[in-house]
Amino acid sequence: MPSATCNLTAAIPLDCLDAIGGIRTLWISTDFDYTGITADDTNGITALTGGTGSFYQVEVAKDVASFTETFTVSNTNGTAFFDQAVTIPVQHLSAAKRAQIQLLTYNRASRVVFEDNNGDFWFVGISRGCVVSSGTTVTGTAPGDATQYSFVLSAQEPEMTYKVQNLAALTGTTFVNA
């Protein structure tokens, strides 16, 4: 007999064609912590309990940053988790950017909050944290080529990425804009 906690509780409607892809901006924390979250099906996270830490903005150009969540399910093993990946290109090479990206690369439990191009906020790696799983530094070859850092922050979480009602819902945390 199936568990009642896995049963659907609502229909999934077809929405209008009014959404666009991509990430508008994002913030990364290497010192975030919390003791509990309040979330609902409509607004996502509406409050944190015991939230601490600072999130630093990483500004990205239009149409370059992305988020992908892949469902990994094993009926045989009775497991399910969600691979979350944020791809972040940072234009122009500099010593200051290099230093921050290097620190982030060494961190084992970063968290990401991003705003998508629809004005919605999402929290990546909330329970287990993110790590830099890959990255590149490129200069290109032609004058019009990118000169940039690009890295991927990845998480493996027991639940899908949480929507966040607004940044104020992340009580106790500080957001530092670029």
C-alpha atoms as a PDB file:
ATOM      1  CA  MET A   1       0.000   0.000   0.000  1.00  0.00           C
ATOM      2  CA  PRO A   2       1.478   3.401  -0.997  1.00  0.00           C
ATOM      3  CA  SER A   3       2.366   5.960   1.654  1.00  0.00           C
ATOM      4  CA  ALA A   4      -0.192   8.738   2.048  1.00  0.00           C
ATOM      5  CA  THR A   5       2.631  11.268   2.352  1.00  0.00           C
ATOM      6  CA  CYS A   6       3.510  10.722  -1.332  1.00  0.00           C
ATOM      7  CA  ASN A   7      -0.003  11.231  -2.744  1.00  0.00           C
ATOM      8  CA  LEU A   8      -0.771  14.241  -4.951  1.00  0.00           C
ATOM      9  CA  THR A   9      -2.725  16.989  -3.211  1.00  0.00           C
ATOM     10  CA  ALA A  10      -3.566  19.218  -6.190  1.00  0.00           C
ATOM     11  CA  ALA A  11      -3.832  19.289  -9.974  1.00  0.00           C
ATOM     12  CA  ILE A  12      -1.012  20.801 -12.088  1.00  0.00           C
ATOM     13  CA  PRO A  13      -2.511  23.319 -14.554  1.00  0.00           C
ATOM     14  CA  LEU A  14      -1.106  24.517 -17.876  1.00  0.00           C
ATOM     15  CA  ASP A  15       0.026  28.134 -17.389  1.00  0.00           C
ATOM     16  CA  CYS A  16      -0.020  31.018 -19.848  1.00  0.00           C
ATOM     17  CA  LEU A  17       2.921  31.653 -22.172  1.00  0.00           C
ATOM     18  CA  ASP A  18       4.181  34.575 -20.084  1.00  0.00           C
ATOM     19  CA  ALA A  19       7.431  33.244 -18.562  1.00  0.00           C
ATOM     20  CA  ILE A  20      11.008  33.708 -19.762  1.00  0.00           C
ATOM     21  CA  GLY A  21      14.172  31.779 -18.931  1.00  0.00           C
ATOM     22  CA  GLY A  22      17.418  32.864 -17.336  1.00  0.00           C
ATOM     23  CA  ILE A  23      18.801  34.365 -14.142  1.00  0.00           C
ATOM     24  CA  ARG A  24      18.630  38.128 -13.498  1.00  0.00           C
ATOM     25  CA  THR A  25      21.003  38.201 -10.514  1.00  0.00           C
ATOM     26  CA  LEU A  26      22.264  35.992  -7.708  1.00  0.00           C
ATOM     27  CA  TRP A  27      23.818  36.035  -4.268  1.00  0.00           C
ATOM     28  CA  ILE A  28      26.222  33.486  -2.748  1.00  0.00           C
ATOM     29  CA  SER A  29      26.881  32.761   0.928  1.00  0.00           C
ATOM     30  CA  THR A  30      29.708  30.718   2.421  1.00  0.00           C
ATOM     31  CA  ASP A  31      28.580  31.183   6.044  1.00  0.00           C
ATOM     32  CA  PHE A  32      24.783  30.684   5.936  1.00  0.00           C
ATOM     33  CA  ASP A  33      23.102  28.710   8.708  1.00  0.00           C
ATOM     34  CA  TYR A  34      19.562  28.261   9.997  1.00  0.00           C
ATOM     35  CA  THR A  35      17.594  26.151  12.440  1.00  0.00           C
ATOM     36  CA  GLY A  36      14.241  25.953  10.617  1.00  0.00           C
ATOM     37  CA  ILE A  37      12.185  27.200   7.690  1.00  0.00           C
ATOM     38  CA  THR A  38       8.539  28.081   7.214  1.00  0.00           C
ATOM     39  CA  ALA A  39       7.340  27.301   3.691  1.00  0.00           C
ATOM     40  CA  ASP A  40       4.045  26.773   1.900  1.00  0.00           C
ATOM     41  CA  ASP A  41       2.945  25.566  -1.530  1.00  0.00           C
ATOM     42  CA  THR A  42       2.092  29.059  -2.837  1.00  0.00           C
ATOM     43  CA  ASN A  43       4.837  31.386  -1.601  1.00  0.00           C
ATOM     44  CA  GLY A  44       7.684  28.953  -0.878  1.00  0.00           C
ATOM     45  CA  ILE A  45       9.902  30.055   2.017  1.00  0.00           C
ATOM     46  CA  THR A  46       8.129  32.762   4.002  1.00  0.00           C
ATOM     47  CA  ALA A  47      10.441  32.833   7.046  1.00  0.00           C
ATOM     48  CA  LEU A  48      13.634  31.399   8.527  1.00  0.00           C
ATOM     49  CA  THR A  49      14.255  30.524  12.139  1.00  0.00           C
ATOM     50  CA  GLY A  50      17.780  31.122  13.420  1.00  0.00           C
ATOM     51  CA  GLY A  51      19.018  32.429  10.060  1.00  0.00           C
ATOM     52  CA  THR A  52      22.557  33.863   9.972  1.00  0.00           C
ATOM     53  CA  GLY A  53      25.140  34.681   7.330  1.00  0.00           C
ATOM     54  CA  SER A  54      25.900  37.074   4.501  1.00  0.00           C
ATOM     55  CA  PHE A  55      24.994  36.656   0.833  1.00  0.00           C
ATOM     56  CA  TYR A  56      27.192  38.493  -1.668  1.00  0.00           C
ATOM     57  CA  GLN A  57      25.798  39.487  -5.050  1.00  0.00           C
ATOM     58  CA  VAL A  58      27.407  38.224  -8.225  1.00  0.00           C
ATOM     59  CA  GLU A  59      26.245  40.417 -11.078  1.00  0.00           C
ATOM     60  CA  VAL A  60      25.791  38.635 -14.393  1.00  0.00           C
ATOM     61  CA  ALA A  61      25.117  39.900 -17.902  1.00  0.00           C
ATOM     62  CA  LYS A  62      21.746  39.217 -19.510  1.00  0.00           C
ATOM     63  CA  ASP A  63      21.115  35.740 -20.899  1.00  0.00           C
ATOM     64  CA  VAL A  64      24.270  34.016 -19.576  1.00  0.00           C
ATOM     65  CA  ALA A  65      23.590  32.472 -16.127  1.00  0.00           C
ATOM     66  CA  SER A  66      21.358  29.427 -15.710  1.00  0.00           C
ATOM     67  CA  PHE A  67      19.898  26.981 -13.207  1.00  0.00           C
ATOM     68  CA  THR A  68      19.193  23.284 -13.858  1.00  0.00           C
ATOM     69  CA  GLU A  69      17.646  20.767 -11.475  1.00  0.00           C
ATOM     70  CA  THR A  70      17.840  17.073 -12.368  1.00  0.00           C
ATOM     71  CA  PHE A  71      15.714  14.490 -10.562  1.00  0.00           C
ATOM     72  CA  THR A  72      17.641  11.334  -9.628  1.00  0.00           C
ATOM     73  CA  VAL A  73      15.323   8.511  -8.598  1.00  0.00           C
ATOM     74  CA  SER A  74      16.078   4.842  -7.916  1.00  0.00           C
ATOM     75  CA  ASN A  75      13.019   2.683  -7.448  1.00  0.00           C
ATOM     76  CA  THR A  76      15.344  -0.278  -6.795  1.00  0.00           C
ATOM     77  CA  ASN A  77      17.178   1.494  -3.957  1.00  0.00           C
ATOM     78  CA  GLY A  78      14.153   3.461  -2.728  1.00  0.00           C
ATOM     79  CA  THR A  79      15.974   6.789  -3.034  1.00  0.00           C
ATOM     80  CA  ALA A  80      15.366  10.153  -4.634  1.00  0.00           C
ATOM     81  CA  PHE A  81      17.420  13.334  -4.642  1.00  0.00           C
ATOM     82  CA  PHE A  82      17.718  16.457  -6.737  1.00  0.00           C
ATOM     83  CA  ASP A  83      20.919  17.588  -8.474  1.00  0.00           C
ATOM     84  CA  GLN A  84      20.921  21.376  -8.536  1.00  0.00           C
ATOM     85  CA  ALA A  85      23.411  23.337 -10.660  1.00  0.00           C
ATOM     86  CA  VAL A  86      23.871  27.086 -11.112  1.00  0.00           C
ATOM     87  CA  THR A  87      26.170  28.089 -13.980  1.00  0.00           C
ATOM     88  CA  ILE A  88      27.752  31.483 -13.314  1.00  0.00           C
ATOM     89  CA  PRO A  89      29.856  33.378 -15.877  1.00  0.00           C
ATOM     90  CA  VAL A  90      31.759  36.379 -14.489  1.00  0.00           C
ATOM     91  CA  GLN A  91      32.959  38.759 -17.197  1.00  0.00           C
ATOM     92  CA  HIS A  92      36.469  40.292 -17.234  1.00  0.00           C
ATOM     93  CA  LEU A  93      39.431  38.752 -15.470  1.00  0.00           C
ATOM     94  CA  SER A  94      40.850  40.541 -12.410  1.00  0.00           C
ATOM     95  CA  ALA A  95      42.871  39.802  -9.292  1.00  0.00           C
ATOM     96  CA  ALA A  96      39.933  40.749  -7.032  1.00  0.00           C
ATOM     97  CA  LYS A  97      37.462  38.445  -8.831  1.00  0.00           C
ATOM     98  CA  ARG A  98      40.036  35.642  -8.919  1.00  0.00           C
ATOM     99  CA  ALA A  99      40.527  35.877  -5.141  1.00  0.00           C
ATOM    100  CA  GLN A 100      36.786  35.615  -4.387  1.00  0.00           C
ATOM    101  CA  ILE A 101      36.229  32.742  -6.851  1.00  0.00           C
ATOM    102  CA  GLN A 102      39.218  30.867  -5.375  1.00  0.00           C
ATOM    103  CA  LEU A 103      37.760  31.206  -1.839  1.00  0.00           C
ATOM    104  CA  LEU A 104      34.402  29.991  -3.110  1.00  0.00           C
ATOM    105  CA  THR A 105      36.068  27.013  -4.802  1.00  0.00           C
ATOM    106  CA  TYR A 106      37.592  25.905  -1.479  1.00  0.00           C
ATOM    107  CA  ASN A 107      34.264  26.161   0.391  1.00  0.00           C
ATOM    108  CA  ARG A 108      32.263  22.975   1.070  1.00  0.00           C
ATOM    109  CA  ALA A 109      28.843  24.400   1.910  1.00  0.00           C
ATOM    110  CA  SER A 110      27.989  27.487  -0.128  1.00  0.00           C
ATOM    111  CA  ARG A 111      24.382  28.504  -0.684  1.00  0.00           C
ATOM    112  CA  VAL A 112      22.877  30.388  -3.636  1.00  0.00           C
ATOM    113  CA  VAL A 113      19.802  32.585  -3.832  1.00  0.00           C
ATOM    114  CA  PHE A 114      18.929  33.719  -7.332  1.00  0.00           C
ATOM    115  CA  GLU A 115      16.282  35.896  -8.934  1.00  0.00           C
ATOM    116  CA  ASP A 116      15.049  34.563 -12.248  1.00  0.00           C
ATOM    117  CA  ASN A 117      13.914  36.731 -15.145  1.00  0.00           C
ATOM    118  CA  ASN A 118      10.310  36.375 -13.976  1.00  0.00           C
ATOM    119  CA  GLY A 119      11.069  38.122 -10.665  1.00  0.00           C
ATOM    120  CA  ASP A 120      10.918  34.922  -8.582  1.00  0.00           C
ATOM    121  CA  PHE A 121      13.577  34.069  -5.981  1.00  0.00           C
ATOM    122  CA  TRP A 122      14.944  30.518  -5.514  1.00  0.00           C
ATOM    123  CA  PHE A 123      17.227  28.951  -2.871  1.00  0.00           C
ATOM    124  CA  VAL A 124      19.810  26.369  -4.046  1.00  0.00           C
ATOM    125  CA  GLY A 125      21.571  23.978  -1.654  1.00  0.00           C
ATOM    126  CA  ILE A 126      19.594  25.002   1.403  1.00  0.00           C
ATOM    127  CA  SER A 127      20.025  21.820   3.462  1.00  0.00           C
ATOM    128  CA  ARG A 128      23.317  20.262   2.273  1.00  0.00           C
ATOM    129  CA  GLY A 129      25.092  23.188   0.632  1.00  0.00           C
ATOM    130  CA  CYS A 130      26.749  23.664  -2.751  1.00  0.00           C
ATOM    131  CA  VAL A 131      30.284  23.128  -3.982  1.00  0.00           C
ATOM    132  CA  VAL A 132      32.060  24.422  -7.059  1.00  0.00           C
ATOM    133  CA  SER A 133      31.976  21.323  -9.263  1.00  0.00           C
ATOM    134  CA  SER A 134      33.720  22.779 -12.323  1.00  0.00           C
ATOM    135  CA  GLY A 135      35.028  26.023 -13.728  1.00  0.00           C
ATOM    136  CA  THR A 136      37.135  27.684 -16.388  1.00  0.00           C
ATOM    137  CA  THR A 137      39.127  30.833 -16.957  1.00  0.00           C
ATOM    138  CA  VAL A 138      39.189  31.906 -20.607  1.00  0.00           C
ATOM    139  CA  THR A 139      40.647  34.755 -22.630  1.00  0.00           C
ATOM    140  CA  GLY A 140      39.270  33.752 -26.006  1.00  0.00           C
ATOM    141  CA  THR A 141      41.258  34.165 -29.220  1.00  0.00           C
ATOM    142  CA  ALA A 142      39.481  36.887 -31.208  1.00  0.00           C
ATOM    143  CA  PRO A 143      38.723  40.469 -30.102  1.00  0.00           C
ATOM    144  CA  GLY A 144      35.012  39.666 -29.711  1.00  0.00           C
ATOM    145  CA  ASP A 145      35.553  36.525 -27.580  1.00  0.00           C
ATOM    146  CA  ALA A 146      34.718  36.344 -23.904  1.00  0.00           C
ATOM    147  CA  THR A 147      37.372  37.022 -21.311  1.00  0.00           C
ATOM    148  CA  GLN A 148      35.810  35.558 -18.193  1.00  0.00           C
ATOM    149  CA  TYR A 149      35.591  33.097 -15.362  1.00  0.00           C
ATOM    150  CA  SER A 150      32.788  30.552 -15.474  1.00  0.00           C
ATOM    151  CA  PHE A 151      31.946  28.117 -12.712  1.00  0.00           C
ATOM    152  CA  VAL A 152      29.182  25.762 -11.646  1.00  0.00           C
ATOM    153  CA  LEU A 153      27.882  25.560  -8.088  1.00  0.00           C
ATOM    154  CA  SER A 154      26.281  22.137  -7.558  1.00  0.00           C
ATOM    155  CA  ALA A 155      24.154  20.651  -4.781  1.00  0.00           C
ATOM    156  CA  GLN A 156      22.504  17.304  -4.140  1.00  0.00           C
ATOM    157  CA  GLU A 157      19.411  17.961  -2.066  1.00  0.00           C
ATOM    158  CA  PRO A 158      16.671  15.735  -0.598  1.00  0.00           C
ATOM    159  CA  GLU A 159      14.001  18.165  -1.865  1.00  0.00           C
ATOM    160  CA  MET A 160      13.495  20.311  -4.941  1.00  0.00           C
ATOM    161  CA  THR A 161      14.749  23.892  -4.912  1.00  0.00           C
ATOM    162  CA  TYR A 162      12.674  26.115  -2.669  1.00  0.00           C
ATOM    163  CA  LYS A 163      11.019  29.240  -3.995  1.00  0.00           C
ATOM    164  CA  VAL A 164      11.552  32.222  -1.656  1.00  0.00           C
ATOM    165  CA  GLN A 165       8.703  34.700  -1.123  1.00  0.00           C
ATOM    166  CA  ASN A 166      11.168  37.618  -1.075  1.00  0.00           C
ATOM    167  CA  LEU A 167      14.633  38.351   0.302  1.00  0.00           C
ATOM    168  CA  ALA A 168      13.122  39.719   3.545  1.00  0.00           C
ATOM    169  CA  ALA A 169      11.772  36.195   4.238  1.00  0.00           C
ATOM    170  CA  LEU A 170      15.375  35.060   4.847  1.00  0.00           C
ATOM    171  CA  THR A 171      15.309  36.551   8.337  1.00  0.00           C
ATOM    172  CA  GLY A 172      18.659  37.111  10.047  1.00  0.00           C
ATOM    173  CA  THR A 173      20.703  37.082   6.837  1.00  0.00           C
ATOM    174  CA  THR A 174      22.398  40.044   5.161  1.00  0.00           C
ATOM    175  CA  PHE A 175      22.435  40.684   1.405  1.00  0.00           C
ATOM    176  CA  VAL A 176      25.423  42.673   0.097  1.00  0.00           C
ATOM    177  CA  ASN A 177      24.872  44.087  -3.387  1.00  0.00           C
ATOM    178  CA  ALA A 178      27.697  44.714  -5.846  1.00  0.00           C
END
